[in-house]
Amino acid sequence: MKWSEIKEKNWFKWGMNKYVLITSLFVVWMIFFDDASLLQHIRIDQEIDELKEDRDFYKNQLKEVKTELKKIQDDPKSIEKIARERFYMKKDKEDIFVVVEEEVSK
C-alpha cells in the first residue's frame, strides 16, 4: 500500500486531525509522565491501603495492651503471673524449670 493510498483512508484522516492528536498526546502525558499521573495515583492508593491496614493492626494491639494494663493495675495476682511467665521470676526456695518442646519435622 502506497503512502498516497494510506492518506486517503478515512481512519487516517480522522487520526491525523489536529484536535485528536493534541488530545491523544495530552492523555498519554497525563497517564505516564505528569507528576499527577494515573500511575502515581495508583501507587499512592496502594500505599494508603497498606497504611490503613497497619493502622488497624496497631489499633488492635493498643486495645490489647490497654486491656492487659487495666488487668495488671486491678489485680495483684496478675502481676505475679506475668512476672513468673515472662521474666521467670520466682519466690524464695523455689526452682524454675523451663520446658522447651522440639518440633518434629516430617
N, C-alpha and C. Protein backbone atom coordinates (compact mmCIF):
# COMPACT_ATOMS: atom_id res chain seq x y z
N MET A 1 0.85 -1.17 0.00
CA MET A 1 0.00 0.00 0.00
C MET A 1 0.90 1.24 0.00
N LYS A 2 0.62 2.16 -0.89
CA LYS A 2 1.42 3.36 -1.04
C LYS A 2 0.97 4.42 -0.05
N TRP A 3 1.86 5.38 0.16
CA TRP A 3 1.59 6.47 1.12
C TRP A 3 0.37 7.28 0.69
N SER A 4 0.21 7.52 -0.57
CA SER A 4 -0.94 8.30 -1.06
C SER A 4 -2.24 7.56 -0.81
N GLU A 5 -2.22 6.23 -0.90
CA GLU A 5 -3.43 5.45 -0.62
C GLU A 5 -3.76 5.47 0.87
N ILE A 6 -2.73 5.43 1.70
CA ILE A 6 -2.96 5.47 3.15
C ILE A 6 -3.55 6.81 3.55
N LYS A 7 -3.06 7.89 2.95
CA LYS A 7 -3.55 9.23 3.28
C LYS A 7 -5.03 9.39 2.95
N GLU A 8 -5.52 8.64 2.01
CA GLU A 8 -6.90 8.79 1.60
C GLU A 8 -7.86 7.95 2.43
N LYS A 9 -7.35 7.09 3.29
CA LYS A 9 -8.22 6.26 4.12
C LYS A 9 -8.92 7.15 5.15
N ASN A 10 -10.15 6.79 5.49
CA ASN A 10 -10.95 7.59 6.41
C ASN A 10 -10.35 7.61 7.81
N TRP A 11 -9.88 6.46 8.29
CA TRP A 11 -9.32 6.40 9.64
C TRP A 11 -8.06 7.23 9.76
N PHE A 12 -7.28 7.33 8.67
CA PHE A 12 -6.06 8.13 8.68
C PHE A 12 -6.39 9.61 8.77
N LYS A 13 -7.38 10.03 8.03
CA LYS A 13 -7.79 11.44 8.07
C LYS A 13 -8.30 11.80 9.46
N TRP A 14 -9.06 10.89 10.03
CA TRP A 14 -9.61 11.15 11.36
C TRP A 14 -8.49 11.17 12.41
N GLY A 15 -7.53 10.24 12.29
CA GLY A 15 -6.43 10.15 13.24
C GLY A 15 -5.44 11.29 13.12
N MET A 16 -5.34 11.89 11.97
CA MET A 16 -4.40 12.98 11.77
C MET A 16 -5.02 14.35 12.05
N ASN A 17 -6.23 14.38 12.50
CA ASN A 17 -6.89 15.62 12.88
C ASN A 17 -6.10 16.23 14.04
N LYS A 18 -5.85 17.55 13.97
CA LYS A 18 -5.00 18.18 14.99
C LYS A 18 -5.62 18.10 16.38
N TYR A 19 -6.92 18.11 16.49
CA TYR A 19 -7.57 18.02 17.81
C TYR A 19 -7.42 16.61 18.40
N VAL A 20 -7.53 15.62 17.55
CA VAL A 20 -7.36 14.24 18.01
C VAL A 20 -5.92 14.01 18.44
N LEU A 21 -4.97 14.52 17.67
CA LEU A 21 -3.56 14.37 18.03
C LEU A 21 -3.23 15.06 19.35
N ILE A 22 -3.69 16.29 19.50
CA ILE A 22 -3.41 17.04 20.73
C ILE A 22 -4.05 16.36 21.93
N THR A 23 -5.28 15.92 21.77
CA THR A 23 -5.97 15.23 22.87
C THR A 23 -5.26 13.92 23.21
N SER A 24 -4.84 13.19 22.21
CA SER A 24 -4.13 11.93 22.45
C SER A 24 -2.81 12.17 23.18
N LEU A 25 -2.07 13.16 22.73
CA LEU A 25 -0.81 13.48 23.40
C LEU A 25 -1.05 13.91 24.85
N PHE A 26 -2.09 14.69 25.07
CA PHE A 26 -2.42 15.12 26.43
C PHE A 26 -2.75 13.93 27.33
N VAL A 27 -3.55 13.01 26.82
CA VAL A 27 -3.94 11.82 27.61
C VAL A 27 -2.71 10.97 27.93
N VAL A 28 -1.86 10.76 26.94
CA VAL A 28 -0.64 9.97 27.18
C VAL A 28 0.25 10.68 28.20
N TRP A 29 0.39 11.98 28.08
CA TRP A 29 1.19 12.74 29.03
C TRP A 29 0.63 12.61 30.45
N MET A 30 -0.68 12.75 30.61
CA MET A 30 -1.30 12.69 31.94
C MET A 30 -1.20 11.29 32.55
N ILE A 31 -1.27 10.26 31.73
CA ILE A 31 -1.23 8.89 32.26
C ILE A 31 0.19 8.51 32.67
N PHE A 32 1.20 8.87 31.91
CA PHE A 32 2.54 8.34 32.15
C PHE A 32 3.56 9.34 32.68
N PHE A 33 3.52 10.60 32.27
CA PHE A 33 4.65 11.49 32.52
C PHE A 33 4.41 12.59 33.55
N ASP A 34 3.21 12.98 33.78
CA ASP A 34 2.92 14.11 34.66
C ASP A 34 3.16 13.73 36.12
N ASP A 35 3.41 14.74 36.97
CA ASP A 35 3.58 14.49 38.40
C ASP A 35 2.31 13.92 39.02
N ALA A 36 1.19 14.27 38.49
CA ALA A 36 -0.10 13.76 38.98
C ALA A 36 -0.62 12.68 38.04
N SER A 37 0.27 11.82 37.58
CA SER A 37 -0.12 10.81 36.60
C SER A 37 -1.00 9.73 37.22
N LEU A 38 -1.67 9.03 36.37
CA LEU A 38 -2.55 7.94 36.81
C LEU A 38 -1.75 6.85 37.51
N LEU A 39 -0.58 6.54 37.00
CA LEU A 39 0.26 5.52 37.62
C LEU A 39 0.68 5.94 39.03
N GLN A 40 1.00 7.23 39.19
CA GLN A 40 1.37 7.74 40.51
C GLN A 40 0.19 7.64 41.47
N HIS A 41 -1.00 7.93 41.00
CA HIS A 41 -2.20 7.83 41.84
C HIS A 41 -2.44 6.38 42.27
N ILE A 42 -2.23 5.45 41.38
CA ILE A 42 -2.42 4.04 41.71
C ILE A 42 -1.43 3.62 42.79
N ARG A 43 -0.17 4.02 42.65
CA ARG A 43 0.84 3.68 43.66
C ARG A 43 0.50 4.30 45.01
N ILE A 44 0.06 5.54 44.99
CA ILE A 44 -0.29 6.22 46.24
C ILE A 44 -1.50 5.55 46.89
N ASP A 45 -2.48 5.16 46.10
CA ASP A 45 -3.66 4.47 46.66
C ASP A 45 -3.26 3.14 47.30
N GLN A 46 -2.35 2.41 46.67
CA GLN A 46 -1.88 1.16 47.26
C GLN A 46 -1.16 1.41 48.58
N GLU A 47 -0.36 2.46 48.62
CA GLU A 47 0.36 2.79 49.85
C GLU A 47 -0.62 3.20 50.95
N ILE A 48 -1.65 3.93 50.59
CA ILE A 48 -2.68 4.33 51.56
C ILE A 48 -3.37 3.10 52.12
N ASP A 49 -3.69 2.14 51.27
CA ASP A 49 -4.34 0.91 51.74
C ASP A 49 -3.43 0.15 52.72
N GLU A 50 -2.15 0.07 52.40
CA GLU A 50 -1.21 -0.61 53.30
C GLU A 50 -1.12 0.11 54.64
N LEU A 51 -1.08 1.44 54.59
CA LEU A 51 -1.00 2.21 55.83
C LEU A 51 -2.27 2.07 56.66
N LYS A 52 -3.41 1.97 56.01
CA LYS A 52 -4.66 1.75 56.74
C LYS A 52 -4.66 0.39 57.43
N GLU A 53 -4.14 -0.62 56.75
CA GLU A 53 -4.04 -1.94 57.37
C GLU A 53 -3.11 -1.90 58.58
N ASP A 54 -1.98 -1.20 58.44
CA ASP A 54 -1.07 -1.05 59.57
C ASP A 54 -1.74 -0.32 60.73
N ARG A 55 -2.48 0.73 60.40
CA ARG A 55 -3.18 1.49 61.44
C ARG A 55 -4.16 0.61 62.18
N ASP A 56 -4.92 -0.20 61.47
CA ASP A 56 -5.89 -1.09 62.11
C ASP A 56 -5.18 -2.12 62.99
N PHE A 57 -4.07 -2.65 62.51
CA PHE A 57 -3.30 -3.61 63.30
C PHE A 57 -2.83 -2.98 64.61
N TYR A 58 -2.29 -1.77 64.52
CA TYR A 58 -1.77 -1.12 65.72
C TYR A 58 -2.89 -0.67 66.65
N LYS A 59 -4.05 -0.34 66.11
CA LYS A 59 -5.19 -0.04 66.98
C LYS A 59 -5.58 -1.27 67.79
N ASN A 60 -5.61 -2.42 67.14
CA ASN A 60 -5.94 -3.66 67.86
C ASN A 60 -4.88 -3.98 68.91
N GLN A 61 -3.62 -3.79 68.55
CA GLN A 61 -2.55 -4.02 69.51
C GLN A 61 -2.69 -3.09 70.71
N LEU A 62 -3.03 -1.85 70.46
CA LEU A 62 -3.20 -0.87 71.53
C LEU A 62 -4.35 -1.26 72.45
N LYS A 63 -5.44 -1.74 71.89
CA LYS A 63 -6.56 -2.20 72.71
C LYS A 63 -6.14 -3.36 73.61
N GLU A 64 -5.40 -4.30 73.05
CA GLU A 64 -4.94 -5.45 73.84
C GLU A 64 -4.02 -5.01 74.97
N VAL A 65 -3.12 -4.09 74.69
CA VAL A 65 -2.19 -3.62 75.71
C VAL A 65 -2.93 -2.85 76.80
N LYS A 66 -3.90 -2.03 76.40
CA LYS A 66 -4.68 -1.29 77.40
C LYS A 66 -5.47 -2.24 78.29
N THR A 67 -6.04 -3.29 77.68
CA THR A 67 -6.78 -4.28 78.47
C THR A 67 -5.85 -4.97 79.46
N GLU A 68 -4.68 -5.35 79.00
CA GLU A 68 -3.71 -6.01 79.87
C GLU A 68 -3.24 -5.07 80.98
N LEU A 69 -3.03 -3.81 80.65
CA LEU A 69 -2.61 -2.83 81.65
C LEU A 69 -3.66 -2.66 82.73
N LYS A 70 -4.91 -2.56 82.32
CA LYS A 70 -6.00 -2.41 83.29
C LYS A 70 -6.08 -3.65 84.18
N LYS A 71 -5.91 -4.81 83.59
CA LYS A 71 -5.93 -6.06 84.34
C LYS A 71 -4.79 -6.09 85.36
N ILE A 72 -3.62 -5.65 84.96
CA ILE A 72 -2.46 -5.63 85.87
C ILE A 72 -2.69 -4.64 87.01
N GLN A 73 -3.23 -3.49 86.69
CA GLN A 73 -3.43 -2.47 87.71
C GLN A 73 -4.49 -2.88 88.73
N ASP A 74 -5.46 -3.67 88.31
CA ASP A 74 -6.57 -4.04 89.19
C ASP A 74 -6.29 -5.29 90.02
N ASP A 75 -5.47 -6.19 89.53
CA ASP A 75 -5.31 -7.49 90.18
C ASP A 75 -3.84 -7.78 90.47
N PRO A 76 -3.45 -7.86 91.76
CA PRO A 76 -2.04 -8.14 92.07
C PRO A 76 -1.61 -9.55 91.67
N LYS A 77 -2.54 -10.50 91.60
CA LYS A 77 -2.17 -11.85 91.19
C LYS A 77 -1.76 -11.89 89.72
N SER A 78 -2.35 -11.02 88.91
CA SER A 78 -1.96 -10.99 87.50
C SER A 78 -0.54 -10.45 87.34
N ILE A 79 -0.14 -9.55 88.24
CA ILE A 79 1.24 -9.06 88.20
C ILE A 79 2.20 -10.22 88.47
N GLU A 80 1.87 -11.02 89.47
CA GLU A 80 2.71 -12.18 89.79
C GLU A 80 2.76 -13.16 88.62
N LYS A 81 1.62 -13.40 88.00
CA LYS A 81 1.55 -14.33 86.87
C LYS A 81 2.44 -13.86 85.72
N ILE A 82 2.36 -12.58 85.39
CA ILE A 82 3.17 -12.04 84.29
C ILE A 82 4.65 -12.08 84.65
N ALA A 83 4.98 -11.75 85.91
CA ALA A 83 6.38 -11.79 86.33
C ALA A 83 6.93 -13.20 86.23
N ARG A 84 6.13 -14.19 86.58
CA ARG A 84 6.60 -15.58 86.52
C ARG A 84 6.71 -16.07 85.07
N GLU A 85 5.71 -15.76 84.23
CA GLU A 85 5.69 -16.29 82.86
C GLU A 85 6.69 -15.59 81.94
N ARG A 86 6.75 -14.30 82.02
CA ARG A 86 7.58 -13.56 81.07
C ARG A 86 9.01 -13.37 81.53
N PHE A 87 9.18 -13.13 82.82
CA PHE A 87 10.50 -12.77 83.32
C PHE A 87 11.13 -13.85 84.19
N TYR A 88 10.48 -15.00 84.29
CA TYR A 88 10.99 -16.16 85.02
C TYR A 88 11.37 -15.81 86.46
N MET A 89 10.60 -14.96 87.08
CA MET A 89 10.82 -14.63 88.49
C MET A 89 10.26 -15.75 89.36
N LYS A 90 10.79 -15.84 90.57
CA LYS A 90 10.36 -16.92 91.45
C LYS A 90 10.35 -16.44 92.89
N LYS A 91 9.68 -17.22 93.71
CA LYS A 91 9.69 -16.96 95.14
C LYS A 91 10.95 -17.59 95.73
N ASP A 92 11.25 -17.21 96.98
CA ASP A 92 12.41 -17.81 97.64
C ASP A 92 12.20 -19.31 97.79
N LYS A 93 13.27 -20.04 97.70
CA LYS A 93 13.27 -21.50 97.84
C LYS A 93 12.37 -22.18 96.80
N GLU A 94 12.36 -21.64 95.62
CA GLU A 94 11.53 -22.20 94.55
C GLU A 94 12.42 -22.38 93.32
N ASP A 95 12.26 -23.48 92.64
CA ASP A 95 13.04 -23.74 91.43
C ASP A 95 12.15 -23.55 90.20
N ILE A 96 12.78 -23.09 89.12
CA ILE A 96 12.04 -22.90 87.86
C ILE A 96 12.59 -23.87 86.84
N PHE A 97 11.68 -24.54 86.17
CA PHE A 97 12.05 -25.44 85.09
C PHE A 97 11.38 -24.94 83.81
N VAL A 98 12.18 -24.69 82.80
CA VAL A 98 11.65 -24.24 81.51
C VAL A 98 11.64 -25.44 80.58
N VAL A 99 10.46 -25.81 80.13
CA VAL A 99 10.31 -26.96 79.25
C VAL A 99 10.16 -26.44 77.82
N VAL A 100 11.05 -26.88 76.96
CA VAL A 100 11.01 -26.47 75.56
C VAL A 100 10.69 -27.70 74.73
N GLU A 101 9.62 -27.61 73.98
CA GLU A 101 9.22 -28.72 73.12
C GLU A 101 9.86 -28.55 71.76
N GLU A 102 10.48 -29.60 71.28
CA GLU A 102 11.10 -29.55 69.96
C GLU A 102 10.07 -29.90 68.91
N GLU A 103 10.16 -29.22 67.79
CA GLU A 103 9.24 -29.51 66.69
C GLU A 103 9.72 -30.74 65.93
N VAL A 104 8.79 -31.58 65.59
CA VAL A 104 9.12 -32.78 64.83
C VAL A 104 8.93 -32.46 63.35
N SER A 105 10.00 -32.56 62.59
CA SER A 105 9.89 -32.29 61.15
C SER A 105 9.61 -33.60 60.42
N LYS A 106 8.77 -33.50 59.43
CA LYS A 106 8.38 -34.70 58.67
C LYS A 106 9.05 -34.73 57.34
